[in-house]
C-alpha atoms as a PDB file:
ATOM      1  CA  MET A   1    -164.920 -18.038  46.774  1.00  0.00           C
ATOM      2  CA  THR A   2    -162.197 -18.363  49.391  1.00  0.00           C
ATOM      3  CA  LEU A   3    -158.546 -18.438  48.279  1.00  0.00           C
ATOM      4  CA  PHE A   4    -155.711 -18.799  50.778  1.00  0.00           C
ATOM      5  CA  GLY A   5    -158.011 -17.708  53.595  1.00  0.00           C
ATOM      6  CA  ARG A   6    -159.348 -14.602  51.837  1.00  0.00           C
ATOM      7  CA  GLU A   7    -162.691 -14.015  50.153  1.00  0.00           C
ATOM      8  CA  VAL A   8    -162.310 -13.318  46.433  1.00  0.00           C
ATOM      9  CA  SER A   9    -165.216 -11.836  44.501  1.00  0.00           C
ATOM     10  CA  SER A  10    -165.983 -13.013  40.981  1.00  0.00           C
ATOM     11  CA  ASN A  11    -168.280 -10.020  40.539  1.00  0.00           C
ATOM     12  CA  GLU A  12    -166.593  -7.569  38.188  1.00  0.00           C
ATOM     13  CA  ASP A  13    -168.650  -4.716  39.632  1.00  0.00           C
ATOM     14  CA  GLU A  14    -166.670  -5.087  42.879  1.00  0.00           C
ATOM     15  CA  TRP A  15    -163.252  -4.876  41.213  1.00  0.00           C
ATOM     16  CA  VAL A  16    -161.355  -1.576  41.266  1.00  0.00           C
ATOM     17  CA  ASP A  17    -159.264   0.043  38.548  1.00  0.00           C
ATOM     18  CA  ARG A  18    -156.539   1.674  40.642  1.00  0.00           C
ATOM     19  CA  HIS A  19    -155.041   3.833  37.899  1.00  0.00           C
ATOM     20  CA  GLY A  20    -154.556   7.339  39.295  1.00  0.00           C
ATOM     21  CA  MET A  21    -155.028   6.368  42.942  1.00  0.00           C
ATOM     22  CA  LYS A  22    -152.884   7.945  45.678  1.00  0.00           C
ATOM     23  CA  ARG A  23    -151.285   6.745  48.911  1.00  0.00           C
ATOM     24  CA  MET A  24    -153.739   6.431  51.796  1.00  0.00           C
ATOM     25  CA  VAL A  25    -151.563   4.818  54.515  1.00  0.00           C
ATOM     26  CA  PRO A  26    -147.788   4.925  55.139  1.00  0.00           C
ATOM     27  CA  MET A  27    -145.620   2.247  53.553  1.00  0.00           C
ATOM     28  CA  GLU A  28    -143.788   0.741  56.527  1.00  0.00           C
ATOM     29  CA  LEU A  29    -142.411  -2.632  55.492  1.00  0.00           C
ATOM     30  CA  LEU A  30    -141.086  -4.157  52.272  1.00  0.00           C
ATOM     31  CA  VAL A  31    -140.841  -7.950  52.492  1.00  0.00           C
ATOM     32  CA  LEU A  32    -138.759  -8.644  49.400  1.00  0.00           C
ATOM     33  CA  GLY A  33    -137.956 -12.345  49.672  1.00  0.00           C
ATOM     34  CA  MET A  34    -138.781 -14.508  46.685  1.00  0.00           C
ATOM     35  CA  PRO A  35    -142.116 -16.349  46.361  1.00  0.00           C
ATOM     36  CA  ARG A  36    -142.286 -19.700  48.192  1.00  0.00           C
ATOM     37  CA  THR A  37    -140.170 -18.436  51.086  1.00  0.00           C
ATOM     38  CA  GLY A  38    -143.084 -18.273  53.498  1.00  0.00           C
ATOM     39  CA  THR A  39    -144.610 -15.119  52.024  1.00  0.00           C
ATOM     40  CA  SER A  40    -148.223 -16.178  52.584  1.00  0.00           C
ATOM     41  CA  SER A  41    -147.493 -17.009  56.209  1.00  0.00           C
ATOM     42  CA  THR A  42    -145.748 -13.648  56.485  1.00  0.00           C
ATOM     43  CA  VAL A  43    -148.849 -11.885  55.138  1.00  0.00           C
ATOM     44  CA  ALA A  44    -150.998 -13.542  57.806  1.00  0.00           C
ATOM     45  CA  ALA A  45    -148.442 -12.685  60.498  1.00  0.00           C
ATOM     46  CA  LEU A  46    -148.187  -9.030  59.453  1.00  0.00           C
ATOM     47  CA  ARG A  47    -151.955  -8.654  59.509  1.00  0.00           C
ATOM     48  CA  ILE A  48    -151.955  -9.996  63.054  1.00  0.00           C
ATOM     49  CA  LEU A  49    -149.308  -7.384  63.907  1.00  0.00           C
ATOM     50  CA  GLY A  50    -151.550  -4.628  62.614  1.00  0.00           C
ATOM     51  CA  TYR A  51    -150.247  -3.950  59.116  1.00  0.00           C
ATOM     52  CA  ASP A  52    -153.244  -2.947  57.048  1.00  0.00           C
ATOM     53  CA  ASP A  53    -153.158  -4.082  54.327  1.00  0.00           C
ATOM     54  CA  VAL A  54    -150.367  -6.352  52.982  1.00  0.00           C
ATOM     55  CA  TYR A  55    -149.866  -6.778  49.237  1.00  0.00           C
ATOM     56  CA  HIS A  56    -149.198 -10.271  47.832  1.00  0.00           C
ATOM     57  CA  MET A  57    -149.663 -12.031  44.508  1.00  0.00           C
ATOM     58  CA  THR A  58    -153.103 -13.087  45.695  1.00  0.00           C
ATOM     59  CA  SER A  59    -153.991  -9.378  45.745  1.00  0.00           C
ATOM     60  CA  CYS A  60    -153.971  -9.576  41.934  1.00  0.00           C
ATOM     61  CA  ILE A  61    -156.453 -12.434  42.168  1.00  0.00           C
ATOM     62  CA  GLU A  62    -158.634 -10.515  44.610  1.00  0.00           C
ATOM     63  CA  ASN A  63    -158.617  -7.512  42.267  1.00  0.00           C
ATOM     64  CA  PRO A  64    -157.714  -8.609  38.714  1.00  0.00           C
ATOM     65  CA  PRO A  65    -157.372  -5.044  37.299  1.00  0.00           C
ATOM     66  CA  ASP A  66    -154.198  -4.709  39.414  1.00  0.00           C
ATOM     67  CA  SER A  67    -152.533  -7.009  36.891  1.00  0.00           C
ATOM     68  CA  ASP A  68    -152.982  -4.361  34.200  1.00  0.00           C
ATOM     69  CA  ILE A  69    -150.841  -1.938  36.203  1.00  0.00           C
ATOM     70  CA  TRP A  70    -148.197  -4.586  36.867  1.00  0.00           C
ATOM     71  CA  GLN A  71    -148.088  -5.355  33.147  1.00  0.00           C
ATOM     72  CA  GLU A  72    -147.243  -1.680  32.611  1.00  0.00           C
ATOM     73  CA  ALA A  73    -144.495  -1.932  35.232  1.00  0.00           C
ATOM     74  CA  ILE A  74    -143.078  -5.046  33.537  1.00  0.00           C
ATOM     75  CA  ALA A  75    -143.128  -3.356  30.130  1.00  0.00           C
ATOM     76  CA  ALA A  76    -141.301  -0.309  31.508  1.00  0.00           C
ATOM     77  CA  LYS A  77    -138.644  -2.180  33.499  1.00  0.00           C
ATOM     78  CA  TRP A  78    -137.715  -4.995  31.139  1.00  0.00           C
ATOM     79  CA  HIS A  79    -138.850  -3.801  27.723  1.00  0.00           C
ATOM     80  CA  GLY A  80    -138.297  -0.039  27.863  1.00  0.00           C
ATOM     81  CA  LYS A  81    -141.946   0.734  27.113  1.00  0.00           C
ATOM     82  CA  GLY A  82    -143.541   3.562  29.071  1.00  0.00           C
ATOM     83  CA  LYS A  83    -142.414   5.467  32.137  1.00  0.00           C
ATOM     84  CA  PRO A  84    -140.351   3.491  34.688  1.00  0.00           C
ATOM     85  CA  PHE A  85    -142.248   3.057  37.928  1.00  0.00           C
ATOM     86  CA  GLY A  86    -141.471   5.284  40.894  1.00  0.00           C
ATOM     87  CA  ARG A  87    -143.377   6.195  44.036  1.00  0.00           C
ATOM     88  CA  GLU A  88    -146.295   7.808  42.218  1.00  0.00           C
ATOM     89  CA  GLU A  89    -146.812   4.829  39.938  1.00  0.00           C
ATOM     90  CA  PHE A  90    -146.459   2.237  42.704  1.00  0.00           C
ATOM     91  CA  ASP A  91    -148.815   4.202  44.951  1.00  0.00           C
ATOM     92  CA  GLN A  92    -151.594   3.552  42.447  1.00  0.00           C
ATOM     93  CA  VAL A  93    -151.619  -0.167  43.197  1.00  0.00           C
ATOM     94  CA  LEU A  94    -150.006  -0.167  46.667  1.00  0.00           C
ATOM     95  CA  GLY A  95    -151.464   3.015  48.147  1.00  0.00           C
ATOM     96  CA  ASN A  96    -153.810   1.155  50.497  1.00  0.00           C
ATOM     97  CA  CYS A  97    -151.029  -1.114  51.820  1.00  0.00           C
ATOM     98  CA  MET A  98    -148.647  -0.683  54.750  1.00  0.00           C
ATOM     99  CA  ALA A  99    -146.514  -3.655  53.686  1.00  0.00           C
ATOM    100  CA  VAL A 100    -145.776  -5.802  50.646  1.00  0.00           C
ATOM    101  CA  THR A 101    -144.622  -9.389  50.102  1.00  0.00           C
ATOM    102  CA  ASP A 102    -144.123 -11.910  47.302  1.00  0.00           C
ATOM    103  CA  TRP A 103    -144.265 -11.283  43.570  1.00  0.00           C
ATOM    104  CA  PRO A 104    -145.006  -8.960  41.806  1.00  0.00           C
ATOM    105  CA  CYS A 105    -143.446  -6.705  44.445  1.00  0.00           C
ATOM    106  CA  SER A 106    -140.204  -8.574  45.132  1.00  0.00           C
ATOM    107  CA  ALA A 107    -139.424  -8.601  41.406  1.00  0.00           C
ATOM    108  CA  PHE A 108    -139.284  -4.797  41.710  1.00  0.00           C
ATOM    109  CA  ALA A 109    -137.098  -4.800  44.820  1.00  0.00           C
ATOM    110  CA  LYS A 110    -134.713  -2.066  43.679  1.00  0.00           C
ATOM    111  CA  GLU A 111    -137.508   0.200  42.490  1.00  0.00           C
ATOM    112  CA  LEU A 112    -139.544  -0.219  45.686  1.00  0.00           C
ATOM    113  CA  ILE A 113    -136.537   0.415  47.933  1.00  0.00           C
ATOM    114  CA  GLU A 114    -135.893   3.639  46.044  1.00  0.00           C
ATOM    115  CA  ALA A 115    -139.572   4.619  46.040  1.00  0.00           C
ATOM    116  CA  TYR A 116    -140.034   4.038  49.789  1.00  0.00           C
ATOM    117  CA  PRO A 117    -136.699   4.793  51.488  1.00  0.00           C
ATOM    118  CA  GLU A 118    -138.464   5.179  54.840  1.00  0.00           C
ATOM    119  CA  ALA A 119    -139.667   1.563  54.847  1.00  0.00           C
ATOM    120  CA  LYS A 120    -137.781  -1.235  56.580  1.00  0.00           C
ATOM    121  CA  VAL A 121    -136.895  -4.308  54.505  1.00  0.00           C
ATOM    122  CA  VAL A 122    -137.310  -7.989  55.354  1.00  0.00           C
ATOM    123  CA  LEU A 123    -135.780 -10.772  53.260  1.00  0.00           C
ATOM    124  CA  THR A 124    -137.653 -14.018  53.818  1.00  0.00           C
ATOM    125  CA  ASN A 125    -135.153 -16.706  52.853  1.00  0.00           C
ATOM    126  CA  ARG A 126    -134.655 -20.470  52.544  1.00  0.00           C
ATOM    127  CA  ASP A 127    -132.224 -22.982  51.096  1.00  0.00           C
ATOM    128  CA  PRO A 128    -132.092 -22.465  47.277  1.00  0.00           C
ATOM    129  CA  ALA A 129    -132.472 -26.181  46.492  1.00  0.00           C
ATOM    130  CA  ALA A 130    -135.513 -26.550  48.760  1.00  0.00           C
ATOM    131  CA  TRP A 131    -136.901 -23.316  47.336  1.00  0.00           C
ATOM    132  CA  TYR A 132    -136.572 -24.621  43.781  1.00  0.00           C
ATOM    133  CA  LYS A 133    -138.350 -27.857  44.647  1.00  0.00           C
ATOM    134  CA  SER A 134    -141.262 -25.867  46.073  1.00  0.00           C
ATOM    135  CA  VAL A 135    -141.423 -23.413  43.164  1.00  0.00           C
ATOM    136  CA  GLU A 136    -141.170 -26.117  40.496  1.00  0.00           C
ATOM    137  CA  SER A 137    -144.153 -28.008  41.933  1.00  0.00           C
ATOM    138  CA  THR A 138    -146.372 -24.939  42.458  1.00  0.00           C
ATOM    139  CA  ILE A 139    -145.822 -21.639  40.640  1.00  0.00           C
ATOM    140  CA  GLY A 140    -143.740 -23.335  37.960  1.00  0.00           C
ATOM    141  CA  GLN A 141    -146.623 -25.607  37.021  1.00  0.00           C
ATOM    142  CA  ALA A 142    -148.882 -22.570  36.621  1.00  0.00           C
ATOM    143  CA  ILE A 143    -146.321 -21.033  34.273  1.00  0.00           C
ATOM    144  CA  ILE A 144    -146.362 -24.022  31.899  1.00  0.00           C
ATOM    145  CA  SER A 145    -149.951 -25.208  32.441  1.00  0.00           C
ATOM    146  CA  LYS A 146    -151.896 -25.736  29.200  1.00  0.00           C
ATOM    147  CA  THR A 147    -155.114 -25.783  31.219  1.00  0.00           C
ATOM    148  CA  LEU A 148    -154.422 -22.269  32.475  1.00  0.00           C
ATOM    149  CA  THR A 149    -153.577 -21.185  28.945  1.00  0.00           C
ATOM    150  CA  VAL A 150    -157.031 -22.310  27.841  1.00  0.00           C
ATOM    151  CA  ALA A 151    -158.520 -20.650  30.919  1.00  0.00           C
ATOM    152  CA  THR A 152    -157.091 -17.270  29.924  1.00  0.00           C
ATOM    153  CA  TYR A 153    -159.288 -17.376  26.811  1.00  0.00           C
ATOM    154  CA  ILE A 154    -162.356 -18.791  28.526  1.00  0.00           C
ATOM    155  CA  ASP A 155    -162.097 -16.296  31.382  1.00  0.00           C
ATOM    156  CA  PRO A 156    -160.234 -13.234  30.005  1.00  0.00           C
ATOM    157  CA  GLY A 157    -161.437 -10.791  32.649  1.00  0.00           C
ATOM    158  CA  PHE A 158    -160.199 -12.827  35.620  1.00  0.00           C
ATOM    159  CA  ILE A 159    -157.683 -15.611  34.912  1.00  0.00           C
ATOM    160  CA  GLY A 160    -156.858 -13.949  31.603  1.00  0.00           C
ATOM    161  CA  ARG A 161    -155.474 -10.952  33.462  1.00  0.00           C
ATOM    162  CA  TRP A 162    -153.201 -12.267  36.170  1.00  0.00           C
ATOM    163  CA  ILE A 163    -151.878 -15.469  34.566  1.00  0.00           C
ATOM    164  CA  PRO A 164    -150.415 -13.580  31.554  1.00  0.00           C
ATOM    165  CA  MET A 165    -148.965 -11.032  33.978  1.00  0.00           C
ATOM    166  CA  CYS A 166    -147.320 -13.785  36.035  1.00  0.00           C
ATOM    167  CA  ARG A 167    -145.923 -15.396  32.915  1.00  0.00           C
ATOM    168  CA  ALA A 168    -144.639 -12.100  31.538  1.00  0.00           C
ATOM    169  CA  MET A 169    -142.856 -11.397  34.807  1.00  0.00           C
ATOM    170  CA  TRP A 170    -141.441 -14.922  35.003  1.00  0.00           C
ATOM    171  CA  SER A 171    -140.066 -14.707  31.463  1.00  0.00           C
ATOM    172  CA  ALA A 172    -138.553 -11.277  32.109  1.00  0.00           C
ATOM    173  CA  PHE A 173    -137.011 -12.261  35.451  1.00  0.00           C
ATOM    174  CA  TYR A 174    -135.676 -15.664  34.391  1.00  0.00           C
ATOM    175  CA  GLY A 175    -135.042 -15.004  30.702  1.00  0.00           C
ATOM    176  CA  GLY A 176    -137.846 -17.199  29.410  1.00  0.00           C
ATOM    177  CA  ALA A 177    -140.570 -19.635  30.415  1.00  0.00           C
ATOM    178  CA  THR A 178    -137.980 -21.943  31.934  1.00  0.00           C
ATOM    179  CA  LEU A 179    -138.018 -24.322  34.880  1.00  0.00           C
ATOM    180  CA  ASP A 180    -134.282 -25.002  34.584  1.00  0.00           C
ATOM    181  CA  PRO A 181    -133.049 -25.441  38.197  1.00  0.00           C
ATOM    182  CA  THR A 182    -129.654 -23.892  37.456  1.00  0.00           C
ATOM    183  CA  ILE A 183    -131.188 -20.692  36.076  1.00  0.00           C
ATOM    184  CA  LEU A 184    -133.839 -20.361  38.769  1.00  0.00           C
ATOM    185  CA  GLN A 185    -131.459 -20.969  41.670  1.00  0.00           C
ATOM    186  CA  ARG A 186    -128.872 -18.602  40.203  1.00  0.00           C
ATOM    187  CA  ARG A 187    -131.452 -15.817  39.920  1.00  0.00           C
ATOM    188  CA  PHE A 188    -132.625 -16.625  43.452  1.00  0.00           C
ATOM    189  CA  VAL A 189    -129.124 -16.065  44.843  1.00  0.00           C
ATOM    190  CA  GLU A 190    -128.593 -12.956  42.695  1.00  0.00           C
ATOM    191  CA  HIS A 191    -131.805 -11.433  43.990  1.00  0.00           C
ATOM    192  CA  TYR A 192    -130.725 -11.709  47.617  1.00  0.00           C
ATOM    193  CA  GLU A 193    -127.258 -10.427  46.868  1.00  0.00           C
ATOM    194  CA  GLU A 194    -128.723  -7.377  45.120  1.00  0.00           C
ATOM    195  CA  VAL A 195    -131.097  -6.469  47.962  1.00  0.00           C
ATOM    196  CA  ARG A 196    -128.276  -6.716  50.498  1.00  0.00           C
ATOM    197  CA  THR A 197    -126.352  -4.075  48.543  1.00  0.00           C
ATOM    198  CA  LEU A 198    -129.332  -1.718  48.414  1.00  0.00           C
ATOM    199  CA  VAL A 199    -130.369  -1.562  52.075  1.00  0.00           C
ATOM    200  CA  PRO A 200    -128.394  -0.356  55.123  1.00  0.00           C
ATOM    201  CA  LYS A 201    -127.921  -3.190  57.610  1.00  0.00           C
ATOM    202  CA  GLU A 202    -129.906  -1.400  60.309  1.00  0.00           C
ATOM    203  CA  ARG A 203    -132.969  -1.385  58.010  1.00  0.00           C
ATOM    204  CA  LEU A 204    -132.648  -4.994  56.840  1.00  0.00           C
ATOM    205  CA  LEU A 205    -133.768  -8.246  58.475  1.00  0.00           C
ATOM    206  CA  GLU A 206    -132.942 -11.603  56.924  1.00  0.00           C
ATOM    207  CA  TYR A 207    -135.536 -13.984  58.251  1.00  0.00           C
ATOM    208  CA  LYS A 208    -137.013 -17.470  57.932  1.00  0.00           C
ATOM    209  CA  VAL A 209    -140.650 -17.934  58.896  1.00  0.00           C
ATOM    210  CA  GLY A 210    -139.784 -20.987  60.969  1.00  0.00           C
ATOM    211  CA  GLU A 211    -138.095 -18.639  63.449  1.00  0.00           C
ATOM    212  CA  GLY A 212    -141.471 -17.435  64.697  1.00  0.00           C
ATOM    213  CA  TRP A 213    -142.328 -14.044  66.184  1.00  0.00           C
ATOM    214  CA  ASP A 214    -139.288 -12.911  68.189  1.00  0.00           C
ATOM    215  CA  ARG A 215    -136.878 -11.446  65.637  1.00  0.00           C
ATOM    216  CA  LEU A 216    -139.662 -10.165  63.390  1.00  0.00           C
ATOM    217  CA  CYS A 217    -141.354  -8.306  66.235  1.00  0.00           C
ATOM    218  CA  GLU A 218    -138.070  -6.912  67.530  1.00  0.00           C
ATOM    219  CA  PHE A 219    -137.227  -5.586  64.058  1.00  0.00           C
ATOM    220  CA  THR A 220    -140.653  -4.064  63.426  1.00  0.00           C
ATOM    221  CA  GLY A 221    -141.112  -2.739  66.957  1.00  0.00           C
ATOM    222  CA  LYS A 222    -144.312  -4.720  67.494  1.00  0.00           C
ATOM    223  CA  GLU A 223    -145.335  -6.624  70.603  1.00  0.00           C
ATOM    224  CA  ILE A 224    -145.226 -10.417  70.339  1.00  0.00           C
ATOM    225  CA  PRO A 225    -148.821 -11.654  69.839  1.00  0.00           C
ATOM    226  CA  ASP A 226    -150.312 -14.255  72.136  1.00  0.00           C
ATOM    227  CA  VAL A 227    -151.011 -16.606  69.201  1.00  0.00           C
ATOM    228  CA  ASP A 228    -148.969 -19.113  67.238  1.00  0.00           C
ATOM    229  CA  PHE A 229    -147.144 -17.886  64.148  1.00  0.00           C
ATOM    230  CA  PRO A 230    -149.413 -18.703  61.180  1.00  0.00           C
ATOM    231  CA  ARG A 231    -148.490 -21.281  58.545  1.00  0.00           C
ATOM    232  CA  VAL A 232    -150.445 -21.063  55.302  1.00  0.00           C
ATOM    233  CA  ASN A 233    -150.136 -21.884  51.608  1.00  0.00           C
ATOM    234  CA  GLU A 234    -148.178 -25.100  51.946  1.00  0.00           C
ATOM    235  CA  THR A 235    -147.495 -26.894  48.656  1.00  0.00           C
ATOM    236  CA  LYS A 236    -150.539 -29.215  48.852  1.00  0.00           C
ATOM    237  CA  GLU A 237    -152.805 -26.293  49.750  1.00  0.00           C
ATOM    238  CA  PHE A 238    -151.482 -24.293  46.802  1.00  0.00           C
ATOM    239  CA  GLY A 239    -152.374 -27.035  44.331  1.00  0.00           C
ATOM    240  CA  ALA A 240    -155.798 -27.666  45.838  1.00  0.00           C
ATOM    241  CA  THR A 241    -156.621 -23.959  45.866  1.00  0.00           C
ATOM    242  CA  MET A 242    -155.585 -23.445  42.243  1.00  0.00           C
ATOM    243  CA  ASP A 243    -157.609 -26.483  41.142  1.00  0.00           C
ATOM    244  CA  LYS A 244    -160.644 -25.206  43.027  1.00  0.00           C
ATOM    245  CA  MET A 245    -160.364 -21.751  41.491  1.00  0.00           C
ATOM    246  CA  VAL A 246    -159.900 -22.936  37.899  1.00  0.00           C
ATOM    247  CA  LYS A 247    -162.710 -25.515  38.126  1.00  0.00           C
ATOM    248  CA  GLY A 248    -164.990 -22.874  39.604  1.00  0.00           C
ATOM    249  CA  ARG A 249    -164.296 -20.422  36.795  1.00  0.00           C
ATOM    250  CA  PHE A 250    -164.734 -23.145  34.134  1.00  0.00           C
ATOM    251  CA  GLN A 251    -168.054 -24.201  35.657  1.00  0.00           C
ATOM    252  CA  ASN A 252    -169.178 -20.566  35.732  1.00  0.00           C
ATOM    253  CA  PHE A 253    -168.260 -20.148  32.070  1.00  0.00           C
ATOM    254  CA  PHE A 254    -170.072 -23.280  30.896  1.00  0.00           C
ATOM    255  CA  ALA A 255    -173.118 -22.448  33.020  1.00  0.00           C
ATOM    256  CA  LYS A 256    -173.352 -19.053  31.326  1.00  0.00           C
ATOM    257  CA  ALA A 257    -172.742 -20.623  27.918  1.00  0.00           C
ATOM    258  CA  ALA A 258    -175.514 -23.156  28.524  1.00  0.00           C
ATOM    259  CA  LYS A 259    -178.016 -20.374  29.178  1.00  0.00           C
ATOM    260  CA  VAL A 260    -177.267 -18.994  25.737  1.00  0.00           C
ATOM    261  CA  VAL A 261    -176.853 -22.250  23.843  1.00  0.00           C
ATOM    262  CA  ALA A 262    -179.883 -24.099  25.232  1.00  0.00           C
ATOM    263  CA  PRO A 263    -182.559 -21.681  23.941  1.00  0.00           C
ATOM    264  CA  VAL A 264    -180.837 -21.514  20.563  1.00  0.00           C
ATOM    265  CA  ALA A 265    -180.699 -25.307  20.384  1.00  0.00           C
ATOM    266  CA  VAL A 266    -184.389 -25.632  21.293  1.00  0.00           C
ATOM    267  CA  LEU A 267    -185.343 -23.013  18.695  1.00  0.00           C
ATOM    268  CA  SER A 268    -183.224 -24.749  16.045  1.00  0.00           C
ATOM    269  CA  VAL A 269    -184.862 -28.124  16.749  1.00  0.00           C
ATOM    270  CA  ALA A 270    -188.312 -26.545  16.657  1.00  0.00           C
ATOM    271  CA  MET A 271    -187.610 -24.815  13.339  1.00  0.00           C
ATOM    272  CA  TYR A 272    -186.202 -28.039  11.896  1.00  0.00           C
ATOM    273  CA  ALA A 273    -189.258 -30.012  13.011  1.00  0.00           C
ATOM    274  CA  ARG A 274    -191.582 -27.392  11.554  1.00  0.00           C
ATOM    275  CA  SER A 275    -189.752 -27.428   8.243  1.00  0.00           C
ATOM    276  CA  LYS A 276    -190.130 -31.206   8.063  1.00  0.00           C
ATOM    277  CA  ALA A 277    -193.835 -30.938   8.914  1.00  0.00           C
ATOM    278  CA  ILE A 278    -194.373 -28.448   6.111  1.00  0.00           C
ATOM    279  CA  ILE A 279    -192.556 -30.653   3.627  1.00  0.00           C
END
């Protein structure tokens, strides 16, 4: 299936357990703005600029076992369980990426800045009130969705990996499964204030995707492409894509279940009929 412009395999044989993997390409850019600040558009733009590859929350959907590693990172950072993540640990899941965006990465801004001091940092930003409105109607709904809760049990290998990870991170970052606008906007502002204190000004770009190519290319040292700046993952697209994915996984589950249930049902009816004939 296609999610946010990328092919996602539902074949578990194609998924990769990245535990123990090493860095394969240099980490050049950390885009540490919060989700719903144009991170999907930024991913598309960075790929056009030649960054191969770019990590994003959808990377956990493309390869569900990644969520297992992020669960370990969450447990270490917020719950004191296991070794705190440093370069070696992050390289397992990010070793094939030259850049990162969105959650889970931006939730580990401090740790990533320390792990990759050579990388430049971009803060994709927007008005906190507008940001909250976008988050509440997209990611926030996934956090509280009862349908997705059911889906984690029906499809434990796929949805049951990354939805619990997202919810665990949300609860740790915001102090619970809350959609309270005061809490979310306060943490939004705190996040940006923290990153500004961690990065020298010459290595930091505060940026809004509506600005287009100029400042981003100047900061990264890339030539301005002869194409329009991409715009993807708008709010309506997010909802439609999530609905498509969940329905597809549900249909797959019930199709598999039917293959098992149908023969059993036929056999049961046949045995019942035979018993009646004998009587």
